[in-house]
Protein backbone atom coordinates (compact mmCIF):
# COMPACT_ATOMS: atom_id res chain seq x y z
CA UNK A 1 1.44 -27.02 1.26
CA UNK A 2 -2.03 -26.08 0.10
CA UNK A 3 -3.50 -22.69 -0.78
CA UNK A 4 -5.41 -22.80 2.50
CA UNK A 5 -2.22 -23.28 4.53
CA UNK A 6 -0.43 -20.51 2.63
CA UNK A 7 -3.39 -18.18 3.21
CA UNK A 8 -3.48 -19.07 6.92
CA UNK A 9 0.09 -17.81 7.25
CA UNK A 10 -0.97 -14.38 5.96
CA UNK A 11 -4.06 -14.33 8.19
CA UNK A 12 -1.98 -15.18 11.25
CA UNK A 13 0.55 -12.49 10.28
CA UNK A 14 -2.22 -9.85 10.11
CA UNK A 15 -3.60 -11.24 13.38
CA UNK A 16 -0.34 -10.39 15.15
CA UNK A 17 -1.10 -6.69 14.49
CA UNK A 18 -4.85 -7.19 14.95
CA UNK A 19 -5.50 -5.62 11.54
CA UNK A 20 -8.83 -5.70 9.74
CA UNK A 21 -8.66 -6.91 6.16
CA UNK A 22 -10.85 -8.30 3.42
CA UNK A 23 -10.24 -11.66 1.79
CA UNK A 24 -11.37 -13.10 -1.55
CA UNK A 25 -10.85 -16.74 -2.41
CA UNK A 26 -10.78 -18.33 -5.82
CA UNK A 27 -9.62 -21.70 -7.08
CA UNK A 28 -6.07 -20.62 -7.77
CA UNK A 29 -5.42 -17.75 -5.34
CA UNK A 30 -6.48 -15.79 -2.26
CA UNK A 31 -6.37 -12.00 -2.29
CA UNK A 32 -6.09 -10.02 0.94
CA UNK A 33 -6.81 -6.29 0.89
CA UNK A 34 -5.90 -3.89 3.68
CA UNK A 35 -5.75 -0.08 3.51
CA UNK A 36 -3.69 2.22 5.70
CA UNK A 37 -4.01 5.93 6.42
CA UNK A 38 -1.78 8.40 8.19
CA UNK A 39 -3.19 11.47 9.96
CA UNK A 40 -6.58 10.76 8.41
CA UNK A 41 -5.17 10.72 4.87
CA UNK A 42 -5.02 7.61 2.67
CA UNK A 43 -1.42 6.40 2.67
CA UNK A 44 -1.25 2.98 1.01
CA UNK A 45 -3.70 0.45 -0.37
CA UNK A 46 -2.16 -2.96 0.20
CA UNK A 47 -2.89 -6.29 -1.44
CA UNK A 48 -1.39 -9.70 -0.82
CA UNK A 49 -1.89 -12.33 -3.52
CA UNK A 50 -1.32 -15.90 -2.33
CA UNK A 51 -1.22 -18.32 -5.27
CA UNK A 52 -1.87 -22.05 -4.99
CA UNK A 53 1.70 -22.75 -6.21
CA UNK A 54 3.11 -20.98 -3.11
CA UNK A 55 4.02 -17.65 -4.70
CA UNK A 56 3.16 -14.65 -2.53
CA UNK A 57 2.97 -11.21 -4.16
CA UNK A 58 2.71 -8.20 -1.85
CA UNK A 59 1.84 -4.70 -3.04
CA UNK A 60 1.42 -1.30 -1.43
CA UNK A 61 -0.14 1.11 -3.91
CA UNK A 62 0.02 4.87 -3.50
CA UNK A 63 -3.50 6.37 -3.25
CA UNK A 64 -2.93 8.54 -6.35
CA UNK A 65 -1.49 8.20 -9.85
CA UNK A 66 1.38 10.11 -11.36
CA UNK A 67 0.25 12.52 -14.08
CA UNK A 68 1.63 11.76 -17.53
CA UNK A 69 3.72 14.94 -17.57
CA UNK A 70 5.58 13.87 -14.39
CA UNK A 71 6.21 10.18 -15.19
CA UNK A 72 9.65 10.56 -16.75
CA UNK A 73 10.90 12.60 -13.78
CA UNK A 74 9.44 10.10 -11.30
CA UNK A 75 10.92 7.14 -13.18
CA UNK A 76 14.42 8.65 -12.78
CA UNK A 77 13.81 9.26 -9.07
CA UNK A 78 12.58 5.69 -8.52
CA UNK A 79 15.43 4.17 -10.53
CA UNK A 80 17.95 5.89 -8.30
CA UNK A 81 16.03 4.96 -5.14
CA UNK A 82 15.58 1.29 -6.11
CA UNK A 83 19.18 0.80 -7.16
CA UNK A 84 20.32 -0.05 -3.64
CA UNK A 85 17.22 -2.03 -2.64
CA UNK A 86 17.45 -5.76 -2.27
CA UNK A 87 13.79 -6.56 -1.71
CA UNK A 88 10.74 -4.33 -2.10
CA UNK A 89 10.98 -1.82 -4.92
CA UNK A 90 8.71 1.02 -5.94
CA UNK A 91 7.52 0.78 -9.50
CA UNK A 92 5.77 3.21 -11.80
CA UNK A 93 3.41 1.90 -14.46
CA UNK A 94 4.10 4.24 -17.37
CA UNK A 95 0.82 3.37 -19.08
CA UNK A 96 -1.52 4.57 -16.31
CA UNK A 97 0.66 6.23 -13.65
CA UNK A 98 0.05 3.66 -10.89
CA UNK A 99 2.80 3.68 -8.26
CA UNK A 100 3.29 0.44 -6.34
CA UNK A 101 5.83 -0.82 -3.84
CA UNK A 102 6.02 -4.58 -4.38
CA UNK A 103 7.78 -7.76 -3.38
CA UNK A 104 7.31 -11.40 -4.35
CA UNK A 105 8.61 -14.60 -2.75
CA UNK A 106 8.04 -18.34 -2.50
CA UNK A 107 6.19 -19.45 0.61
CA UNK A 108 7.72 -22.48 2.34
CA UNK A 109 6.37 -24.87 5.00
CA UNK A 110 9.02 -23.64 7.45
CA UNK A 111 7.82 -20.00 7.30
CA UNK A 112 6.21 -18.41 10.32
CA UNK A 113 3.55 -15.69 10.50
CA UNK A 114 6.22 -13.40 11.98
CA UNK A 115 8.38 -13.88 8.88
CA UNK A 116 5.44 -13.10 6.57
CA UNK A 117 4.58 -10.02 8.65
CA UNK A 118 8.18 -8.80 8.42
CA UNK A 119 8.06 -9.08 4.62
CA UNK A 120 4.69 -7.31 4.52
CA UNK A 121 5.96 -4.45 6.71
CA UNK A 122 8.90 -4.06 4.33
CA UNK A 123 6.40 -3.41 1.55
CA UNK A 124 3.83 -1.38 3.49
CA UNK A 125 6.24 0.89 5.38
CA UNK A 126 7.55 3.06 2.58
CA UNK A 127 10.32 5.38 3.76
CA UNK A 128 8.93 8.84 4.51
CA UNK A 129 11.57 10.64 2.45
CA UNK A 130 10.81 8.75 -0.78
CA UNK A 131 7.05 8.83 -0.11
CA UNK A 132 7.16 12.61 0.25
CA UNK A 133 9.31 12.90 -2.88
CA UNK A 134 6.78 10.87 -4.88
CA UNK A 135 3.91 13.00 -3.56
CA UNK A 136 5.77 16.20 -4.43
CA UNK A 137 6.68 14.95 -7.90
CA UNK A 138 3.22 13.66 -8.78
CA UNK A 139 0.78 15.84 -6.91
CA UNK A 140 2.39 18.80 -5.20
CA UNK A 141 -0.86 19.80 -3.46
CA UNK A 142 -2.09 16.27 -2.63
CA UNK A 143 -1.54 16.40 1.14
CA UNK A 144 -2.74 20.00 1.49
CA UNK A 145 -5.91 19.24 -0.51
CA UNK A 146 -6.71 16.23 1.66
CA UNK A 147 -6.12 18.18 4.89
CA UNK A 148 -8.27 21.08 3.72
CA UNK A 149 -11.06 18.68 2.69
CA UNK A 150 -11.00 16.85 6.02
CA UNK A 151 -10.85 20.08 8.03
CA UNK A 152 -13.66 21.77 6.11
CA UNK A 153 -15.90 18.70 6.18
CA UNK A 154 -15.35 18.35 9.94
CA UNK A 155 -16.25 22.00 10.44
CA UNK A 156 -19.24 21.73 8.15
CA UNK A 157 -20.61 18.80 10.14
CA UNK A 158 -19.93 20.41 13.50
CA UNK A 159 -21.80 23.61 12.63
CA UNK A 160 -24.42 22.01 10.43
CA UNK A 161 -27.34 22.81 12.74
CA UNK A 162 -25.93 25.97 14.30
CA UNK A 163 -28.16 29.01 14.00
CA UNK A 164 -26.69 32.47 14.46
CA UNK A 165 -29.19 34.90 15.98
């Protein structure tokens, strides 16, 4: 198969869900980017790397980094969580605190868009319990800060031209 055919499988998989995504082509790979939010808050920033040799790397990055002081604790939590996982695993980059759920596989001519979508959903759909644990470990006030920002900015816009007499 060619890079174009491999990339078409990913495009068709995203088409099943009618998702909007960006795509960058180069000689040796295609990179798809798609971001997801939940309740108006960034949830995961996903990338799919399709290489011309048929390797497909899928990643779902958390929208924040783990502070240096919390990395050892988070690494123990993720080690325990990943122990029973067969496919996608959450990884912590100790050098910069990036947290990424990832999975890699060989694409084959017999694969369908539905199969690729199933693999992508396994990466994108991080279990709520572990997601919340990562948030709590890395940024205890992350969700509250985002909610307060979105609520205050919505209020600010709504009353921007209001004049009290």
